[in-house]
């Protein structure tokens, strides 16, 4: 007669956990996706093409204004931006964008 009491205690303790939001693996996750921007709208083309050079200039000015100590990191970033502008639309660029999308998806899955 003693074994039903521990089982009953375990069953009641099992119901005392925190609730969780169930999400099926078949559902589309919320948030930005490969073809959608941060607002959820589909973005097949690059809408910020005109803003990219200005953004690079703004970032360079901000890095200089903050007195960035690691000049080598800034030079590497600047070289990357030049490479990015020169190689945009190539097969290597598309592969890089797919890799970035995969990395973002992987980070969302770890949360």
PDB file of N, CA and C in Angstrom:
ATOM      1  N   UNK A   1       0.800  -1.198   0.000  1.00  0.00           N
ATOM      2  CA  UNK A   1       0.000   0.000   0.000  1.00  0.00           C
ATOM      3  C   UNK A   1       0.848   1.269   0.000  1.00  0.00           C
ATOM      4  N   UNK A   2       2.146   1.173   0.200  1.00  0.00           N
ATOM      5  CA  UNK A   2       2.982   2.369   0.258  1.00  0.00           C
ATOM      6  C   UNK A   2       3.387   2.880  -1.131  1.00  0.00           C
ATOM      7  N   UNK A   3       3.384   2.072  -2.169  1.00  0.00           N
ATOM      8  CA  UNK A   3       3.867   2.517  -3.472  1.00  0.00           C
ATOM      9  C   UNK A   3       2.936   3.499  -4.184  1.00  0.00           C
ATOM     10  N   UNK A   4       1.620   3.544  -3.977  1.00  0.00           N
ATOM     11  CA  UNK A   4       0.786   4.545  -4.671  1.00  0.00           C
ATOM     12  C   UNK A   4       1.080   5.980  -4.212  1.00  0.00           C
ATOM     13  N   UNK A   5       1.506   6.176  -2.966  1.00  0.00           N
ATOM     14  CA  UNK A   5       1.749   7.538  -2.472  1.00  0.00           C
ATOM     15  C   UNK A   5       2.940   8.180  -3.194  1.00  0.00           C
ATOM     16  N   UNK A   6       4.108   7.529  -3.333  1.00  0.00           N
ATOM     17  CA  UNK A   6       5.202   8.168  -4.089  1.00  0.00           C
ATOM     18  C   UNK A   6       4.846   8.424  -5.554  1.00  0.00           C
ATOM     19  N   UNK A   7       4.100   7.534  -6.169  1.00  0.00           N
ATOM     20  CA  UNK A   7       3.694   7.744  -7.563  1.00  0.00           C
ATOM     21  C   UNK A   7       2.769   8.955  -7.657  1.00  0.00           C
ATOM     22  N   UNK A   8       1.846   9.079  -6.719  1.00  0.00           N
ATOM     23  CA  UNK A   8       0.942  10.220  -6.698  1.00  0.00           C
ATOM     24  C   UNK A   8       1.716  11.525  -6.489  1.00  0.00           C
ATOM     25  N   UNK A   9       2.719  11.505  -5.614  1.00  0.00           N
ATOM     26  CA  UNK A   9       3.551  12.693  -5.378  1.00  0.00           C
ATOM     27  C   UNK A   9       4.310  13.060  -6.653  1.00  0.00           C
ATOM     28  N   UNK A  10       4.856  12.087  -7.371  1.00  0.00           N
ATOM     29  CA  UNK A  10       5.570  12.345  -8.613  1.00  0.00           C
ATOM     30  C   UNK A  10       4.641  12.906  -9.691  1.00  0.00           C
ATOM     31  N   UNK A  11       3.446  12.383  -9.777  1.00  0.00           N
ATOM     32  CA  UNK A  11       2.497  12.894 -10.763  1.00  0.00           C
ATOM     33  C   UNK A  11       2.118  14.347 -10.475  1.00  0.00           C
ATOM     34  N   UNK A  12       1.884  14.668  -9.232  1.00  0.00           N
ATOM     35  CA  UNK A  12       1.535  16.047  -8.866  1.00  0.00           C
ATOM     36  C   UNK A  12       2.729  16.961  -9.076  1.00  0.00           C
ATOM     37  N   UNK A  13       3.935  16.516  -8.745  1.00  0.00           N
ATOM     38  CA  UNK A  13       5.132  17.332  -8.929  1.00  0.00           C
ATOM     39  C   UNK A  13       5.411  17.558 -10.417  1.00  0.00           C
ATOM     40  N   UNK A  14       5.075  16.593 -11.241  1.00  0.00           N
ATOM     41  CA  UNK A  14       5.280  16.739 -12.678  1.00  0.00           C
ATOM     42  C   UNK A  14       4.398  17.806 -13.296  1.00  0.00           C
ATOM     43  N   UNK A  15       3.281  18.096 -12.681  1.00  0.00           N
ATOM     44  CA  UNK A  15       2.373  19.114 -13.191  1.00  0.00           C
ATOM     45  C   UNK A  15       2.732  20.512 -12.696  1.00  0.00           C
ATOM     46  N   UNK A  16       3.727  20.630 -11.838  1.00  0.00           N
ATOM     47  CA  UNK A  16       4.062  21.921 -11.242  1.00  0.00           C
ATOM     48  C   UNK A  16       5.110  22.682 -12.049  1.00  0.00           C
ATOM     49  N   UNK A  17       5.530  22.165 -13.194  1.00  0.00           N
ATOM     50  CA  UNK A  17       6.554  22.837 -14.005  1.00  0.00           C
ATOM     51  C   UNK A  17       6.003  24.080 -14.689  1.00  0.00           C
ATOM     52  N   UNK A  18       6.897  24.808 -15.319  1.00  0.00           N
ATOM     53  CA  UNK A  18       6.497  26.018 -16.033  1.00  0.00           C
ATOM     54  C   UNK A  18       5.829  25.645 -17.356  1.00  0.00           C
ATOM     55  N   UNK A  19       4.803  26.378 -17.768  1.00  0.00           N
ATOM     56  CA  UNK A  19       4.169  26.094 -19.052  1.00  0.00           C
ATOM     57  C   UNK A  19       5.079  26.561 -20.195  1.00  0.00           C
ATOM     58  N   UNK A  20       4.935  25.952 -21.338  1.00  0.00           N
ATOM     59  CA  UNK A  20       5.732  26.349 -22.490  1.00  0.00           C
ATOM     60  C   UNK A  20       4.807  26.493 -23.693  1.00  0.00           C
ATOM     61  N   UNK A  21       5.243  27.280 -24.641  1.00  0.00           N
ATOM     62  CA  UNK A  21       4.466  27.489 -25.858  1.00  0.00           C
ATOM     63  C   UNK A  21       4.870  26.423 -26.867  1.00  0.00           C
ATOM     64  N   UNK A  22       3.955  25.581 -27.240  1.00  0.00           N
ATOM     65  CA  UNK A  22       4.232  24.513 -28.189  1.00  0.00           C
ATOM     66  C   UNK A  22       4.249  25.085 -29.605  1.00  0.00           C
ATOM     67  N   UNK A  23       5.251  24.716 -30.367  1.00  0.00           N
ATOM     68  CA  UNK A  23       5.320  25.106 -31.777  1.00  0.00           C
ATOM     69  C   UNK A  23       5.666  23.861 -32.575  1.00  0.00           C
ATOM     70  N   UNK A  24       4.813  23.528 -33.498  1.00  0.00           N
ATOM     71  CA  UNK A  24       5.039  22.371 -34.345  1.00  0.00           C
ATOM     72  C   UNK A  24       6.220  22.635 -35.271  1.00  0.00           C
ATOM     73  N   UNK A  25       6.967  21.599 -35.603  1.00  0.00           N
ATOM     74  CA  UNK A  25       8.087  21.741 -36.522  1.00  0.00           C
ATOM     75  C   UNK A  25       7.600  22.012 -37.943  1.00  0.00           C
ATOM     76  N   UNK A  26       6.323  21.768 -38.209  1.00  0.00           N
ATOM     77  CA  UNK A  26       5.767  21.987 -39.538  1.00  0.00           C
ATOM     78  C   UNK A  26       5.320  23.432 -39.751  1.00  0.00           C
ATOM     79  N   UNK A  27       5.257  24.225 -38.696  1.00  0.00           N
ATOM     80  CA  UNK A  27       4.829  25.611 -38.818  1.00  0.00           C
ATOM     81  C   UNK A  27       5.990  26.492 -39.239  1.00  0.00           C
ATOM     82  N   UNK A  28       5.662  27.581 -39.884  1.00  0.00           N
ATOM     83  CA  UNK A  28       6.669  28.552 -40.274  1.00  0.00           C
ATOM     84  C   UNK A  28       7.004  29.386 -39.047  1.00  0.00           C
ATOM     85  N   UNK A  29       8.293  29.486 -38.670  1.00  0.00           N
ATOM     86  CA  UNK A  29       8.655  30.261 -37.485  1.00  0.00           C
ATOM     87  C   UNK A  29       8.443  31.758 -37.718  1.00  0.00           C
ATOM     88  N   UNK A  30       8.182  32.473 -36.633  1.00  0.00           N
ATOM     89  CA  UNK A  30       7.998  33.906 -36.722  1.00  0.00           C
ATOM     90  C   UNK A  30       9.351  34.583 -36.881  1.00  0.00           C
ATOM     91  N   UNK A  31       9.335  35.797 -37.390  1.00  0.00           N
ATOM     92  CA  UNK A  31      10.562  36.561 -37.563  1.00  0.00           C
ATOM     93  C   UNK A  31      10.981  36.607 -39.009  1.00  0.00           C
ATOM     94  N   UNK A  32      12.073  37.294 -39.282  1.00  0.00           N
ATOM     95  CA  UNK A  32      12.517  37.424 -40.672  1.00  0.00           C
ATOM     96  C   UNK A  32      12.977  36.091 -41.234  1.00  0.00           C
ATOM     97  N   UNK A  33      12.797  35.935 -42.525  1.00  0.00           N
ATOM     98  CA  UNK A  33      13.201  34.708 -43.190  1.00  0.00           C
ATOM     99  C   UNK A  33      14.179  34.987 -44.308  1.00  0.00           C
ATOM    100  N   UNK A  34      14.380  33.999 -45.174  1.00  0.00           N
ATOM    101  CA  UNK A  34      15.338  34.154 -46.257  1.00  0.00           C
ATOM    102  C   UNK A  34      14.863  35.199 -47.257  1.00  0.00           C
ATOM    103  N   UNK A  35      13.587  35.182 -47.591  1.00  0.00           N
ATOM    104  CA  UNK A  35      13.055  36.111 -48.584  1.00  0.00           C
ATOM    105  C   UNK A  35      12.284  37.270 -47.975  1.00  0.00           C
ATOM    106  N   UNK A  36      12.188  37.332 -46.667  1.00  0.00           N
ATOM    107  CA  UNK A  36      11.447  38.421 -46.049  1.00  0.00           C
ATOM    108  C   UNK A  36      12.383  39.259 -45.187  1.00  0.00           C
ATOM    109  N   UNK A  37      12.083  40.527 -45.131  1.00  0.00           N
ATOM    110  CA  UNK A  37      12.889  41.432 -44.328  1.00  0.00           C
ATOM    111  C   UNK A  37      12.473  41.387 -42.871  1.00  0.00           C
ATOM    112  N   UNK A  38      12.977  42.326 -42.087  1.00  0.00           N
ATOM    113  CA  UNK A  38      12.684  42.363 -40.660  1.00  0.00           C
ATOM    114  C   UNK A  38      11.204  42.619 -40.401  1.00  0.00           C
ATOM    115  N   UNK A  39      10.538  43.325 -41.317  1.00  0.00           N
ATOM    116  CA  UNK A  39       9.117  43.615 -41.124  1.00  0.00           C
ATOM    117  C   UNK A  39       8.222  42.484 -41.607  1.00  0.00           C
ATOM    118  N   UNK A  40       8.798  41.441 -42.228  1.00  0.00           N
ATOM    119  CA  UNK A  40       8.012  40.311 -42.686  1.00  0.00           C
ATOM    120  C   UNK A  40       7.611  40.403 -44.137  1.00  0.00           C
ATOM    121  N   UNK A  41       7.915  41.505 -44.793  1.00  0.00           N
ATOM    122  CA  UNK A  41       7.553  41.649 -46.201  1.00  0.00           C
ATOM    123  C   UNK A  41       8.568  40.932 -47.075  1.00  0.00           C
ATOM    124  N   UNK A  42       8.116  40.450 -48.216  1.00  0.00           N
ATOM    125  CA  UNK A  42       8.990  39.737 -49.124  1.00  0.00           C
ATOM    126  C   UNK A  42       9.893  40.738 -49.831  1.00  0.00           C
ATOM    127  N   UNK A  43      11.201  40.474 -49.805  1.00  0.00           N
ATOM    128  CA  UNK A  43      12.181  41.363 -50.426  1.00  0.00           C
ATOM    129  C   UNK A  43      13.045  40.543 -51.371  1.00  0.00           C
ATOM    130  N   UNK A  44      12.684  40.530 -52.658  1.00  0.00           N
ATOM    131  CA  UNK A  44      13.443  39.748 -53.627  1.00  0.00           C
ATOM    132  C   UNK A  44      14.634  40.512 -54.180  1.00  0.00           C
ATOM    133  N   UNK A  45      14.579  41.819 -54.162  1.00  0.00           N
ATOM    134  CA  UNK A  45      15.689  42.629 -54.641  1.00  0.00           C
ATOM    135  C   UNK A  45      16.306  43.378 -53.488  1.00  0.00           C
ATOM    136  N   UNK A  46      17.440  43.964 -53.728  1.00  0.00           N
ATOM    137  CA  UNK A  46      18.096  44.729 -52.673  1.00  0.00           C
ATOM    138  C   UNK A  46      17.511  46.125 -52.655  1.00  0.00           C
ATOM    139  N   UNK A  47      16.779  46.456 -51.621  1.00  0.00           N
ATOM    140  CA  UNK A  47      16.109  47.750 -51.554  1.00  0.00           C
ATOM    141  C   UNK A  47      17.010  48.838 -51.000  1.00  0.00           C
ATOM    142  N   UNK A  48      18.082  48.470 -50.339  1.00  0.00           N
ATOM    143  CA  UNK A  48      18.961  49.467 -49.732  1.00  0.00           C
ATOM    144  C   UNK A  48      20.247  49.659 -50.531  1.00  0.00           C
ATOM    145  N   UNK A  49      20.198  49.460 -51.846  1.00  0.00           N
ATOM    146  CA  UNK A  49      21.401  49.576 -52.671  1.00  0.00           C
ATOM    147  C   UNK A  49      21.963  50.991 -52.644  1.00  0.00           C
ATOM    148  N   UNK A  50      21.089  51.983 -52.652  1.00  0.00           N
ATOM    149  CA  UNK A  50      21.569  53.360 -52.626  1.00  0.00           C
ATOM    150  C   UNK A  50      22.093  53.741 -51.252  1.00  0.00           C
ATOM    151  N   UNK A  51      21.581  53.102 -50.221  1.00  0.00           N
ATOM    152  CA  UNK A  51      21.982  53.445 -48.858  1.00  0.00           C
ATOM    153  C   UNK A  51      23.283  52.761 -48.431  1.00  0.00           C
ATOM    154  N   UNK A  52      23.731  51.733 -49.168  1.00  0.00           N
ATOM    155  CA  UNK A  52      24.924  50.982 -48.759  1.00  0.00           C
ATOM    156  C   UNK A  52      26.189  51.840 -48.714  1.00  0.00           C
ATOM    157  N   UNK A  53      26.510  52.639 -49.755  1.00  0.00           N
ATOM    158  CA  UNK A  53      27.719  53.453 -49.649  1.00  0.00           C
ATOM    159  C   UNK A  53      27.634  54.476 -48.515  1.00  0.00           C
ATOM    160  N   UNK A  54      26.458  55.065 -48.306  1.00  0.00           N
ATOM    161  CA  UNK A  54      26.299  56.036 -47.223  1.00  0.00           C
ATOM    162  C   UNK A  54      26.443  55.346 -45.872  1.00  0.00           C
ATOM    163  N   UNK A  55      25.901  54.138 -45.752  1.00  0.00           N
ATOM    164  CA  UNK A  55      26.032  53.397 -44.503  1.00  0.00           C
ATOM    165  C   UNK A  55      27.493  53.076 -44.218  1.00  0.00           C
ATOM    166  N   UNK A  56      28.250  52.743 -45.251  1.00  0.00           N
ATOM    167  CA  UNK A  56      29.672  52.463 -45.070  1.00  0.00           C
ATOM    168  C   UNK A  56      30.414  53.723 -44.624  1.00  0.00           C
ATOM    169  N   UNK A  57      30.068  54.870 -45.213  1.00  0.00           N
ATOM    170  CA  UNK A  57      30.698  56.120 -44.809  1.00  0.00           C
ATOM    171  C   UNK A  57      30.332  56.474 -43.374  1.00  0.00           C
ATOM    172  N   UNK A  58      29.056  56.300 -43.020  1.00  0.00           N
ATOM    173  CA  UNK A  58      28.616  56.595 -41.653  1.00  0.00           C
ATOM    174  C   UNK A  58      29.340  55.708 -40.647  1.00  0.00           C
ATOM    175  N   UNK A  59      29.495  54.426 -40.982  1.00  0.00           N
ATOM    176  CA  UNK A  59      30.187  53.506 -40.071  1.00  0.00           C
ATOM    177  C   UNK A  59      31.653  53.890 -39.927  1.00  0.00           C
ATOM    178  N   UNK A  60      32.267  54.304 -41.037  1.00  0.00           N
ATOM    179  CA  UNK A  60      33.671  54.719 -40.977  1.00  0.00           C
ATOM    180  C   UNK A  60      33.827  55.966 -40.112  1.00  0.00           C
ATOM    181  N   UNK A  61      32.909  56.915 -40.251  1.00  0.00           N
ATOM    182  CA  UNK A  61      32.966  58.125 -39.437  1.00  0.00           C
ATOM    183  C   UNK A  61      32.739  57.797 -37.964  1.00  0.00           C
ATOM    184  N   UNK A  62      31.799  56.895 -37.690  1.00  0.00           N
ATOM    185  CA  UNK A  62      31.528  56.525 -36.304  1.00  0.00           C
ATOM    186  C   UNK A  62      32.733  55.827 -35.684  1.00  0.00           C
ATOM    187  N   UNK A  63      33.392  54.962 -36.469  1.00  0.00           N
ATOM    188  CA  UNK A  63      34.571  54.260 -35.955  1.00  0.00           C
ATOM    189  C   UNK A  63      35.691  55.250 -35.658  1.00  0.00           C
ATOM    190  N   UNK A  64      35.853  56.243 -36.538  1.00  0.00           N
ATOM    191  CA  UNK A  64      36.882  57.248 -36.316  1.00  0.00           C
ATOM    192  C   UNK A  64      36.530  58.128 -35.126  1.00  0.00           C
ATOM    193  N   UNK A  65      35.258  58.529 -35.027  1.00  0.00           N
ATOM    194  CA  UNK A  65      34.817  59.396 -33.939  1.00  0.00           C
ATOM    195  C   UNK A  65      34.965  58.706 -32.582  1.00  0.00           C
ATOM    196  N   UNK A  66      34.762  57.425 -32.534  1.00  0.00           N
ATOM    197  CA  UNK A  66      34.859  56.707 -31.268  1.00  0.00           C
ATOM    198  C   UNK A  66      36.312  56.423 -30.903  1.00  0.00           C
ATOM    199  N   UNK A  67      37.220  56.750 -31.792  1.00  0.00           N
ATOM    200  CA  UNK A  67      38.635  56.507 -31.493  1.00  0.00           C
ATOM    201  C   UNK A  67      38.937  55.022 -31.446  1.00  0.00           C
ATOM    202  N   UNK A  68      38.504  54.294 -32.463  1.00  0.00           N
ATOM    203  CA  UNK A  68      38.680  52.843 -32.472  1.00  0.00           C
ATOM    204  C   UNK A  68      40.159  52.488 -32.358  1.00  0.00           C
ATOM    205  N   UNK A  69      40.494  51.676 -31.381  1.00  0.00           N
ATOM    206  CA  UNK A  69      41.874  51.306 -31.118  1.00  0.00           C
ATOM    207  C   UNK A  69      42.400  50.279 -32.111  1.00  0.00           C
ATOM    208  N   UNK A  70      41.521  49.397 -32.557  1.00  0.00           N
ATOM    209  CA  UNK A  70      41.976  48.318 -33.421  1.00  0.00           C
ATOM    210  C   UNK A  70      41.859  48.743 -34.884  1.00  0.00           C
ATOM    211  N   UNK A  71      42.873  49.404 -35.384  1.00  0.00           N
ATOM    212  CA  UNK A  71      42.875  49.910 -36.752  1.00  0.00           C
ATOM    213  C   UNK A  71      42.869  48.770 -37.766  1.00  0.00           C
ATOM    214  N   UNK A  72      43.483  47.669 -37.433  1.00  0.00           N
ATOM    215  CA  UNK A  72      43.538  46.535 -38.356  1.00  0.00           C
ATOM    216  C   UNK A  72      42.140  45.962 -38.604  1.00  0.00           C
ATOM    217  N   UNK A  73      41.318  45.900 -37.571  1.00  0.00           N
ATOM    218  CA  UNK A  73      39.949  45.417 -37.733  1.00  0.00           C
ATOM    219  C   UNK A  73      39.173  46.337 -38.653  1.00  0.00           C
ATOM    220  N   UNK A  74      39.359  47.632 -38.487  1.00  0.00           N
ATOM    221  CA  UNK A  74      38.666  48.590 -39.336  1.00  0.00           C
ATOM    222  C   UNK A  74      39.122  48.450 -40.783  1.00  0.00           C
ATOM    223  N   UNK A  75      40.420  48.269 -41.013  1.00  0.00           N
ATOM    224  CA  UNK A  75      40.917  48.102 -42.374  1.00  0.00           C
ATOM    225  C   UNK A  75      40.371  46.820 -43.008  1.00  0.00           C
ATOM    226  N   UNK A  76      40.283  45.769 -42.226  1.00  0.00           N
ATOM    227  CA  UNK A  76      39.717  44.523 -42.745  1.00  0.00           C
ATOM    228  C   UNK A  76      38.254  44.710 -43.101  1.00  0.00           C
ATOM    229  N   UNK A  77      37.522  45.429 -42.283  1.00  0.00           N
ATOM    230  CA  UNK A  77      36.112  45.700 -42.567  1.00  0.00           C
ATOM    231  C   UNK A  77      35.983  46.531 -43.843  1.00  0.00           C
ATOM    232  N   UNK A  78      36.845  47.527 -44.000  1.00  0.00           N
ATOM    233  CA  UNK A  78      36.803  48.380 -45.184  1.00  0.00           C
ATOM    234  C   UNK A  78      37.141  47.567 -46.439  1.00  0.00           C
ATOM    235  N   UNK A  79      38.111  46.673 -46.332  1.00  0.00           N
ATOM    236  CA  UNK A  79      38.454  45.804 -47.465  1.00  0.00           C
ATOM    237  C   UNK A  79      37.283  44.883 -47.807  1.00  0.00           C
ATOM    238  N   UNK A  80      36.613  44.387 -46.790  1.00  0.00           N
ATOM    239  CA  UNK A  80      35.429  43.559 -47.018  1.00  0.00           C
ATOM    240  C   UNK A  80      34.341  44.349 -47.736  1.00  0.00           C
ATOM    241  N   UNK A  81      34.113  45.587 -47.320  1.00  0.00           N
ATOM    242  CA  UNK A  81      33.085  46.410 -47.960  1.00  0.00           C
ATOM    243  C   UNK A  81      33.433  46.649 -49.430  1.00  0.00           C
ATOM    244  N   UNK A  82      34.697  46.876 -49.732  1.00  0.00           N
ATOM    245  CA  UNK A  82      35.111  47.041 -51.132  1.00  0.00           C
ATOM    246  C   UNK A  82      34.879  45.759 -51.916  1.00  0.00           C
ATOM    247  N   UNK A  83      35.235  44.623 -51.311  1.00  0.00           N
ATOM    248  CA  UNK A  83      35.011  43.334 -51.967  1.00  0.00           C
ATOM    249  C   UNK A  83      33.529  43.113 -52.201  1.00  0.00           C
ATOM    250  N   UNK A  84      32.738  43.452 -51.206  1.00  0.00           N
ATOM    251  CA  UNK A  84      31.289  43.253 -51.289  1.00  0.00           C
ATOM    252  C   UNK A  84      30.691  44.061 -52.432  1.00  0.00           C
ATOM    253  N   UNK A  85      31.092  45.320 -52.559  1.00  0.00           N
ATOM    254  CA  UNK A  85      30.566  46.163 -53.626  1.00  0.00           C
ATOM    255  C   UNK A  85      31.034  45.672 -54.990  1.00  0.00           C
ATOM    256  N   UNK A  86      32.264  45.168 -55.091  1.00  0.00           N
ATOM    257  CA  UNK A  86      32.809  44.715 -56.367  1.00  0.00           C
ATOM    258  C   UNK A  86      32.229  43.371 -56.795  1.00  0.00           C
ATOM    259  N   UNK A  87      31.878  42.509 -55.846  1.00  0.00           N
ATOM    260  CA  UNK A  87      31.450  41.147 -56.176  1.00  0.00           C
ATOM    261  C   UNK A  87      29.969  40.905 -56.006  1.00  0.00           C
ATOM    262  N   UNK A  88      29.212  41.930 -55.787  1.00  0.00           N
ATOM    263  CA  UNK A  88      27.782  41.747 -55.573  1.00  0.00           C
ATOM    264  C   UNK A  88      27.123  41.197 -56.829  1.00  0.00           C
ATOM    265  N   UNK A  89      26.317  40.162 -56.670  1.00  0.00           N
ATOM    266  CA  UNK A  89      25.629  39.549 -57.797  1.00  0.00           C
ATOM    267  C   UNK A  89      26.353  38.358 -58.390  1.00  0.00           C
ATOM    268  N   UNK A  90      27.569  38.063 -57.955  1.00  0.00           N
ATOM    269  CA  UNK A  90      28.295  36.907 -58.480  1.00  0.00           C
ATOM    270  C   UNK A  90      27.820  35.642 -57.773  1.00  0.00           C
ATOM    271  N   UNK A  91      28.253  34.512 -58.278  1.00  0.00           N
ATOM    272  CA  UNK A  91      27.887  33.229 -57.669  1.00  0.00           C
ATOM    273  C   UNK A  91      28.425  33.130 -56.237  1.00  0.00           C
ATOM    274  N   UNK A  92      29.652  33.616 -56.026  1.00  0.00           N
ATOM    275  CA  UNK A  92      30.227  33.591 -54.673  1.00  0.00           C
ATOM    276  C   UNK A  92      29.413  34.462 -53.725  1.00  0.00           C
ATOM    277  N   UNK A  93      28.915  35.580 -54.206  1.00  0.00           N
ATOM    278  CA  UNK A  93      28.104  36.480 -53.380  1.00  0.00           C
ATOM    279  C   UNK A  93      26.787  35.801 -52.991  1.00  0.00           C
ATOM    280  N   UNK A  94      26.139  35.146 -53.957  1.00  0.00           N
ATOM    281  CA  UNK A  94      24.878  34.450 -53.653  1.00  0.00           C
ATOM    282  C   UNK A  94      25.115  33.326 -52.643  1.00  0.00           C
ATOM    283  N   UNK A  95      26.215  32.613 -52.787  1.00  0.00           N
ATOM    284  CA  UNK A  95      26.531  31.546 -51.831  1.00  0.00           C
ATOM    285  C   UNK A  95      26.767  32.127 -50.441  1.00  0.00           C
ATOM    286  N   UNK A  96      27.445  33.263 -50.373  1.00  0.00           N
ATOM    287  CA  UNK A  96      27.682  33.923 -49.092  1.00  0.00           C
ATOM    288  C   UNK A  96      26.361  34.345 -48.447  1.00  0.00           C
ATOM    289  N   UNK A  97      25.443  34.869 -49.248  1.00  0.00           N
ATOM    290  CA  UNK A  97      24.148  35.284 -48.711  1.00  0.00           C
ATOM    291  C   UNK A  97      23.365  34.078 -48.194  1.00  0.00           C
ATOM    292  N   UNK A  98      23.432  32.966 -48.889  1.00  0.00           N
ATOM    293  CA  UNK A  98      22.779  31.743 -48.408  1.00  0.00           C
ATOM    294  C   UNK A  98      23.396  31.288 -47.086  1.00  0.00           C
ATOM    295  N   UNK A  99      24.720  31.389 -46.972  1.00  0.00           N
ATOM    296  CA  UNK A  99      25.394  31.008 -45.733  1.00  0.00           C
ATOM    297  C   UNK A  99      24.949  31.912 -44.589  1.00  0.00           C
ATOM    298  N   UNK A 100      24.859  33.233 -44.840  1.00  0.00           N
ATOM    299  CA  UNK A 100      24.413  34.169 -43.806  1.00  0.00           C
ATOM    300  C   UNK A 100      22.980  33.858 -43.368  1.00  0.00           C
ATOM    301  N   UNK A 101      22.113  33.531 -44.326  1.00  0.00           N
ATOM    302  CA  UNK A 101      20.734  33.182 -43.989  1.00  0.00           C
ATOM    303  C   UNK A 101      20.703  31.913 -43.145  1.00  0.00           C
ATOM    304  N   UNK A 102      21.543  30.959 -43.482  1.00  0.00           N
ATOM    305  CA  UNK A 102      21.604  29.721 -42.703  1.00  0.00           C
ATOM    306  C   UNK A 102      22.095  29.993 -41.291  1.00  0.00           C
ATOM    307  N   UNK A 103      23.117  30.860 -41.149  1.00  0.00           N
ATOM    308  CA  UNK A 103      23.625  31.209 -39.823  1.00  0.00           C
ATOM    309  C   UNK A 103      22.539  31.884 -38.991  1.00  0.00           C
ATOM    310  N   UNK A 104      21.772  32.786 -39.595  1.00  0.00           N
ATOM    311  CA  UNK A 104      20.687  33.459 -38.875  1.00  0.00           C
ATOM    312  C   UNK A 104      19.635  32.446 -38.447  1.00  0.00           C
ATOM    313  N   UNK A 105      19.299  31.500 -39.339  1.00  0.00           N
ATOM    314  CA  UNK A 105      18.324  30.475 -38.996  1.00  0.00           C
ATOM    315  C   UNK A 105      18.829  29.630 -37.834  1.00  0.00           C
ATOM    316  N   UNK A 106      20.121  29.295 -37.875  1.00  0.00           N
ATOM    317  CA  UNK A 106      20.707  28.471 -36.814  1.00  0.00           C
ATOM    318  C   UNK A 106      20.660  29.201 -35.471  1.00  0.00           C
ATOM    319  N   UNK A 107      20.939  30.516 -35.474  1.00  0.00           N
ATOM    320  CA  UNK A 107      20.872  31.297 -34.221  1.00  0.00           C
ATOM    321  C   UNK A 107      19.443  31.326 -33.686  1.00  0.00           C
ATOM    322  N   UNK A 108      18.454  31.471 -34.583  1.00  0.00           N
ATOM    323  CA  UNK A 108      17.052  31.489 -34.133  1.00  0.00           C
ATOM    324  C   UNK A 108      16.658  30.135 -33.533  1.00  0.00           C
ATOM    325  N   UNK A 109      17.184  29.046 -34.087  1.00  0.00           N
ATOM    326  CA  UNK A 109      16.845  27.721 -33.584  1.00  0.00           C
ATOM    327  C   UNK A 109      17.445  27.477 -32.199  1.00  0.00           C
ATOM    328  N   UNK A 110      18.556  28.135 -31.867  1.00  0.00           N
ATOM    329  CA  UNK A 110      19.219  27.934 -30.586  1.00  0.00           C
ATOM    330  C   UNK A 110      18.540  28.703 -29.471  1.00  0.00           C
ATOM    331  N   UNK A 111      17.680  29.633 -29.790  1.00  0.00           N
ATOM    332  CA  UNK A 111      16.998  30.421 -28.759  1.00  0.00           C
ATOM    333  C   UNK A 111      15.914  29.665 -28.117  1.00  0.00           C
TER     334      UNK A 111
END
